[in-house]
Amino acid sequence: MGEVAEFPVDDEEAARRGTLRAERVEVLRRRIAAVPARGEVPSVARGRVETASECILPVPAPLAELLPHGGLVRGSVVSISGATSLLLGVLASVTASGGYAAVIGRRRLGLLAAAEMGARLHRLAVIPDPGPDPVEIAAVLLDGIDLVVLGLGGATVSPSRARAVAARVRSRQSVLVVTDGRWEGAQVRLEAQVDGYHGVDGPGRDRLCATRLSVRAHGRAFSPRSTRIEVSADHSAVTWAYADRNPVEDRNSRKAAR
C-alpha cells in the first residue's frame, strides 16, 4: 500500500493546480445535474432498483448469500479487493437493474467483460484519470450516482478524511466501493481470488469458458463468510453460479442470474 506524498510547489504552480481542479469539479457537477434524480425516471428498469428494496443495491445472486442484507446497503462504504470479475459483476448488477454507477481511477477496467455480464454502459461513467485527488472527485459524484467505485492506486486515505467522506455517503444514500488502496472503516470487505479455470469438452477444447472464484466477505456487523463462485461464458452472456452445487442447482442459478 502506498502513502500519498506531498511535495512543495511554488505559488504559481499551486494556483494552476487549484484552477484545474476547480474546473474539473465544475464539469462533474454539470454532468451530475444532467442525470435524472432517483425516482424521476418512470421506467420499469429503474423501478426494479427502488421497489425490490429501496435501501439495497443488487449484486450477483451467489454473492448476495454472503451479505447480511442480500446486497449493498445504501449509505455504506464497501472495500473490494482481488479478482476484478467481482467488481465487474457488481457494476453489471447495479446498472442492469436501473441504477447509475461511476468508476474513478481504474484505467484498465474491462468494459467489454462488464457488458457481457449484463452491464448497461450508458448508465456507467468512467473517469480513468481523475487527477491528484480522486477522493474529491468521488465525493462530488456521490451527489447523483447510486454506486461510486474509487480506485486509490495504492494510496492510503487518512482516517479523518475517510470518516468525512463516509458521512457524505450516508447523507447521499449512495454506495462507495473502494479498491486498490487502504481505507479504514469500511462496513463490508469483499475479497476474491481466482481458484481455477474450466475448459469445454469436445470441439473448442482448451478454450477458457469458466473461472472459479473463492470469495470471502466480512464486516462490522457479521462474521466472515466464504463461498466459491463460477463465472461462466456461453454463447449469449456471462453468468454467475455456485461452484460447489450440483449441475441442476447450477443451471437454476444461472437462469436466475440472467
Protein backbone atom coordinates (compact mmCIF):
# COMPACT_ATOMS: atom_id res chain seq x y z
CA MET A 1 0.00 0.00 0.00
CA GLY A 2 1.38 3.41 -0.87
CA GLU A 3 1.15 6.60 1.06
CA VAL A 4 0.06 9.87 -0.52
CA ALA A 5 3.13 12.11 -0.61
CA GLU A 6 3.10 15.90 -0.69
CA PHE A 7 5.82 17.93 -2.39
CA PRO A 8 6.42 21.67 -2.09
CA VAL A 9 5.35 23.75 -5.08
CA ASP A 10 5.62 27.44 -5.81
CA ASP A 11 2.65 29.78 -5.65
CA GLU A 12 2.13 29.88 -9.42
CA GLU A 13 2.09 26.10 -9.70
CA ALA A 14 -0.26 25.79 -6.73
CA ALA A 15 -2.63 28.31 -8.29
CA ARG A 16 -2.57 26.46 -11.60
CA ARG A 17 -3.38 23.16 -9.92
CA GLY A 18 -6.16 24.74 -7.92
CA THR A 19 -7.69 26.22 -11.07
CA LEU A 20 -7.55 22.90 -12.94
CA ARG A 21 -9.10 21.06 -10.02
CA ALA A 22 -11.88 23.62 -9.68
CA GLU A 23 -12.62 23.36 -13.41
CA ARG A 24 -12.71 19.56 -13.20
CA VAL A 25 -15.10 19.63 -10.26
CA GLU A 26 -17.37 22.13 -12.02
CA VAL A 27 -17.55 19.92 -15.12
CA LEU A 28 -18.51 16.96 -12.96
CA ARG A 29 -21.18 18.98 -11.17
CA ARG A 30 -22.74 19.94 -14.52
CA ARG A 31 -22.75 16.31 -15.62
CA ILE A 32 -24.38 15.24 -12.38
CA ALA A 33 -27.04 17.94 -12.77
CA ALA A 34 -27.95 16.39 -16.12
CA VAL A 35 -28.50 12.95 -14.55
CA PRO A 36 -32.15 12.37 -13.54
CA ALA A 37 -32.62 12.24 -9.80
CA ARG A 38 -33.59 8.98 -8.15
CA GLY A 39 -37.24 8.31 -8.79
CA GLU A 40 -37.59 10.78 -11.69
CA VAL A 41 -37.20 8.17 -14.42
CA PRO A 42 -40.58 6.44 -14.94
CA SER A 43 -39.03 3.29 -16.37
CA VAL A 44 -39.62 -0.29 -15.33
CA ALA A 45 -35.85 -0.95 -15.28
CA ARG A 46 -35.13 1.83 -12.82
CA GLY A 47 -38.13 0.86 -10.72
CA ARG A 48 -36.58 -2.53 -10.06
CA VAL A 49 -33.74 -0.93 -8.11
CA GLU A 50 -36.13 1.00 -5.88
CA THR A 51 -39.01 -1.43 -5.46
CA ALA A 52 -37.02 -4.61 -4.89
CA SER A 53 -35.57 -2.98 -1.78
CA GLU A 54 -35.19 0.78 -1.74
CA CYS A 55 -32.21 0.60 0.61
CA ILE A 56 -30.24 -2.14 -1.22
CA LEU A 57 -28.23 -2.22 -4.45
CA PRO A 58 -28.27 -5.67 -6.12
CA VAL A 59 -25.27 -7.97 -6.59
CA PRO A 60 -24.85 -11.29 -8.46
CA ALA A 61 -27.00 -14.00 -6.86
CA PRO A 62 -24.16 -16.16 -5.46
CA LEU A 63 -22.60 -13.09 -3.84
CA ALA A 64 -25.92 -12.00 -2.32
CA GLU A 65 -25.93 -15.00 0.03
CA LEU A 66 -22.70 -13.79 1.63
CA LEU A 67 -24.12 -10.39 2.55
CA PRO A 68 -26.45 -9.89 5.55
CA HIS A 69 -28.99 -7.89 3.53
CA GLY A 70 -28.54 -9.69 0.21
CA GLY A 71 -26.88 -6.72 -1.47
CA LEU A 72 -25.01 -3.47 -0.87
CA VAL A 73 -26.72 -1.23 1.67
CA ARG A 74 -27.17 2.38 0.60
CA GLY A 75 -25.17 4.77 2.71
CA SER A 76 -22.29 2.34 3.23
CA VAL A 77 -18.64 2.06 2.23
CA VAL A 78 -17.52 -1.28 0.78
CA SER A 79 -13.97 -2.46 0.11
CA ILE A 80 -13.41 -4.88 -2.80
CA SER A 81 -10.04 -6.50 -3.46
CA GLY A 82 -8.64 -9.31 -5.58
CA ALA A 83 -10.10 -10.64 -8.83
CA THR A 84 -11.63 -7.88 -10.98
CA SER A 85 -14.53 -10.14 -12.00
CA LEU A 86 -16.17 -9.47 -8.65
CA LEU A 87 -16.18 -5.71 -9.19
CA LEU A 88 -17.45 -6.09 -12.77
CA GLY A 89 -20.26 -8.34 -11.57
CA VAL A 90 -21.39 -5.72 -9.05
CA LEU A 91 -21.32 -2.98 -11.70
CA ALA A 92 -23.32 -5.18 -14.06
CA SER A 93 -25.97 -5.97 -11.44
CA VAL A 94 -26.48 -2.34 -10.43
CA THR A 95 -26.66 -0.86 -13.92
CA ALA A 96 -28.75 -3.72 -15.34
CA SER A 97 -31.29 -3.09 -12.58
CA GLY A 98 -31.64 0.57 -13.48
CA GLY A 99 -29.01 2.18 -11.25
CA TYR A 100 -26.24 4.58 -12.21
CA ALA A 101 -22.58 3.92 -11.48
CA ALA A 102 -19.27 5.74 -11.83
CA VAL A 103 -15.73 4.33 -11.80
CA ILE A 104 -12.82 6.57 -10.85
CA GLY A 105 -9.12 5.82 -11.29
CA ARG A 106 -9.41 2.35 -12.86
CA ARG A 107 -7.60 2.70 -16.19
CA ARG A 108 -7.80 -0.96 -17.12
CA LEU A 109 -11.43 -1.60 -16.31
CA GLY A 110 -12.79 -4.31 -18.63
CA LEU A 111 -15.84 -2.63 -20.12
CA LEU A 112 -16.35 -5.46 -22.62
CA ALA A 113 -16.41 -8.02 -19.82
CA ALA A 114 -18.82 -5.84 -17.84
CA ALA A 115 -21.14 -5.59 -20.86
CA GLU A 116 -21.02 -9.37 -21.32
CA MET A 117 -22.08 -9.73 -17.69
CA GLY A 118 -25.10 -7.56 -18.42
CA ALA A 119 -23.88 -4.04 -17.57
CA ARG A 120 -25.68 -1.14 -19.23
CA LEU A 121 -22.81 1.04 -20.31
CA HIS A 122 -25.00 4.09 -20.89
CA ARG A 123 -25.55 4.08 -17.12
CA LEU A 124 -21.83 3.90 -16.35
CA ALA A 125 -19.45 6.87 -16.17
CA VAL A 126 -15.70 6.14 -16.31
CA ILE A 127 -13.05 8.62 -15.16
CA PRO A 128 -9.75 6.79 -15.69
CA ASP A 129 -7.50 9.76 -14.81
CA PRO A 130 -9.13 11.83 -12.04
CA GLY A 131 -6.03 13.90 -11.28
CA PRO A 132 -4.16 14.25 -7.99
CA ASP A 133 -7.22 13.96 -5.73
CA PRO A 134 -9.56 11.12 -6.78
CA VAL A 135 -11.24 11.14 -3.35
CA GLU A 136 -12.59 14.65 -4.02
CA ILE A 137 -13.97 13.54 -7.39
CA ALA A 138 -15.70 10.59 -5.72
CA ALA A 139 -17.21 12.89 -3.08
CA VAL A 140 -18.68 15.09 -5.83
CA LEU A 141 -20.15 12.15 -7.74
CA LEU A 142 -21.92 10.85 -4.63
CA ASP A 143 -24.46 13.64 -5.17
CA GLY A 144 -26.18 11.90 -8.07
CA ILE A 145 -24.82 8.37 -8.55
CA ASP A 146 -26.06 5.16 -6.91
CA LEU A 147 -22.69 3.37 -6.92
CA VAL A 148 -19.30 5.11 -6.99
CA VAL A 149 -16.16 2.96 -7.41
CA LEU A 150 -12.98 4.66 -6.26
CA GLY A 151 -9.60 3.24 -7.33
CA LEU A 152 -6.95 4.57 -4.94
CA GLY A 153 -3.93 3.40 -6.94
CA GLY A 154 -2.23 2.01 -3.85
CA ALA A 155 -2.73 5.13 -1.73
CA THR A 156 -3.85 5.33 1.89
CA VAL A 157 -6.70 7.64 2.86
CA SER A 158 -6.35 9.20 6.30
CA PRO A 159 -8.93 8.11 8.90
CA SER A 160 -10.24 11.67 9.33
CA ARG A 161 -10.88 12.12 5.62
CA ALA A 162 -12.37 8.62 5.31
CA ARG A 163 -14.86 9.50 8.07
CA ALA A 164 -15.80 12.76 6.34
CA VAL A 165 -16.45 11.02 3.02
CA ALA A 166 -18.34 8.19 4.75
CA ALA A 167 -20.64 10.79 6.31
CA ARG A 168 -21.32 12.16 2.83
CA VAL A 169 -22.04 8.63 1.58
CA ARG A 170 -24.65 8.23 4.34
CA SER A 171 -26.27 11.58 3.68
CA ARG A 172 -26.49 10.95 -0.08
CA GLN A 173 -27.62 7.31 0.35
CA SER A 174 -25.19 6.10 -2.28
CA VAL A 175 -22.69 3.24 -2.03
CA LEU A 176 -18.96 3.90 -2.21
CA VAL A 177 -16.74 0.98 -3.28
CA VAL A 178 -13.02 1.47 -2.65
CA THR A 179 -10.34 -0.60 -4.38
CA ASP A 180 -6.55 -0.71 -4.75
CA GLY A 181 -5.71 1.09 -1.54
CA ARG A 182 -6.24 1.39 2.19
CA TRP A 183 -9.46 2.82 3.58
CA GLU A 184 -10.20 2.37 7.27
CA GLY A 185 -13.78 1.97 8.43
CA ALA A 186 -15.45 0.14 5.51
CA GLN A 187 -18.62 -1.58 6.70
CA VAL A 188 -18.15 -4.55 4.34
CA ARG A 189 -14.99 -6.05 2.85
CA LEU A 190 -15.13 -8.44 -0.10
CA GLU A 191 -12.05 -10.38 -1.21
CA ALA A 192 -11.93 -12.56 -4.33
CA GLN A 193 -9.21 -14.89 -5.58
CA VAL A 194 -9.10 -16.96 -8.76
CA ASP A 195 -9.44 -20.59 -7.70
CA GLY A 196 -9.22 -22.33 -11.08
CA TYR A 197 -10.48 -22.47 -14.64
CA HIS A 198 -12.68 -24.72 -16.75
CA GLY A 199 -12.38 -25.54 -20.44
CA VAL A 200 -15.03 -27.04 -22.70
CA ASP A 201 -15.46 -30.61 -23.86
CA GLY A 202 -15.45 -31.64 -27.50
CA PRO A 203 -14.81 -29.05 -30.24
CA GLY A 204 -13.05 -25.99 -28.89
CA ARG A 205 -11.17 -27.91 -26.20
CA ASP A 206 -8.62 -25.85 -24.21
CA ARG A 207 -10.62 -22.64 -24.62
CA LEU A 208 -11.42 -20.88 -21.35
CA CYS A 209 -15.16 -20.93 -20.64
CA ALA A 210 -15.37 -20.54 -16.85
CA THR A 211 -13.41 -19.08 -13.95
CA ARG A 212 -13.81 -20.22 -10.36
CA LEU A 213 -13.54 -17.61 -7.63
CA SER A 214 -13.08 -18.02 -3.90
CA VAL A 215 -14.92 -15.10 -2.31
CA ARG A 216 -14.76 -14.03 1.33
CA ALA A 217 -16.96 -11.41 2.95
CA HIS A 218 -16.59 -9.89 6.39
CA GLY A 219 -17.67 -6.69 8.10
CA ARG A 220 -18.54 -4.86 11.24
CA ALA A 221 -21.93 -6.47 11.78
CA PHE A 222 -21.30 -10.07 10.67
CA SER A 223 -18.68 -12.77 10.97
CA PRO A 224 -16.56 -13.85 7.97
CA ARG A 225 -18.34 -15.88 5.30
CA SER A 226 -16.97 -17.50 2.17
CA THR A 227 -18.13 -19.32 -0.93
CA ARG A 228 -16.89 -20.49 -4.31
CA ILE A 229 -18.41 -18.95 -7.42
CA GLU A 230 -18.15 -19.97 -11.05
CA VAL A 231 -18.27 -17.22 -13.67
CA SER A 232 -19.11 -18.88 -16.98
CA ALA A 233 -19.35 -17.72 -20.57
CA ASP A 234 -21.83 -19.20 -23.02
CA HIS A 235 -22.95 -18.13 -26.47
CA SER A 236 -25.05 -15.19 -25.25
CA ALA A 237 -23.77 -13.96 -21.89
CA VAL A 238 -21.55 -14.35 -18.85
CA THR A 239 -23.36 -15.91 -15.91
CA TRP A 240 -22.71 -16.49 -12.19
CA ALA A 241 -23.32 -19.77 -10.34
CA TYR A 242 -22.33 -21.57 -7.16
CA ALA A 243 -19.22 -23.66 -7.87
CA ASP A 244 -19.94 -26.23 -5.14
CA ARG A 245 -23.51 -27.10 -6.11
CA ASN A 246 -24.70 -29.91 -8.34
CA PRO A 247 -25.39 -29.35 -12.06
CA VAL A 248 -29.17 -28.95 -11.61
CA GLU A 249 -28.71 -26.26 -8.96
CA ASP A 250 -26.07 -24.57 -11.14
CA ARG A 251 -28.44 -24.36 -14.11
CA ASN A 252 -31.20 -22.88 -11.96
CA SER A 253 -28.77 -20.33 -10.50
CA ARG A 254 -27.56 -19.29 -13.96
CA LYS A 255 -31.16 -18.77 -15.14
CA ALA A 256 -31.89 -16.63 -12.06
CA ALA A 257 -28.72 -14.56 -12.64
CA ARG A 258 -29.89 -13.67 -16.12
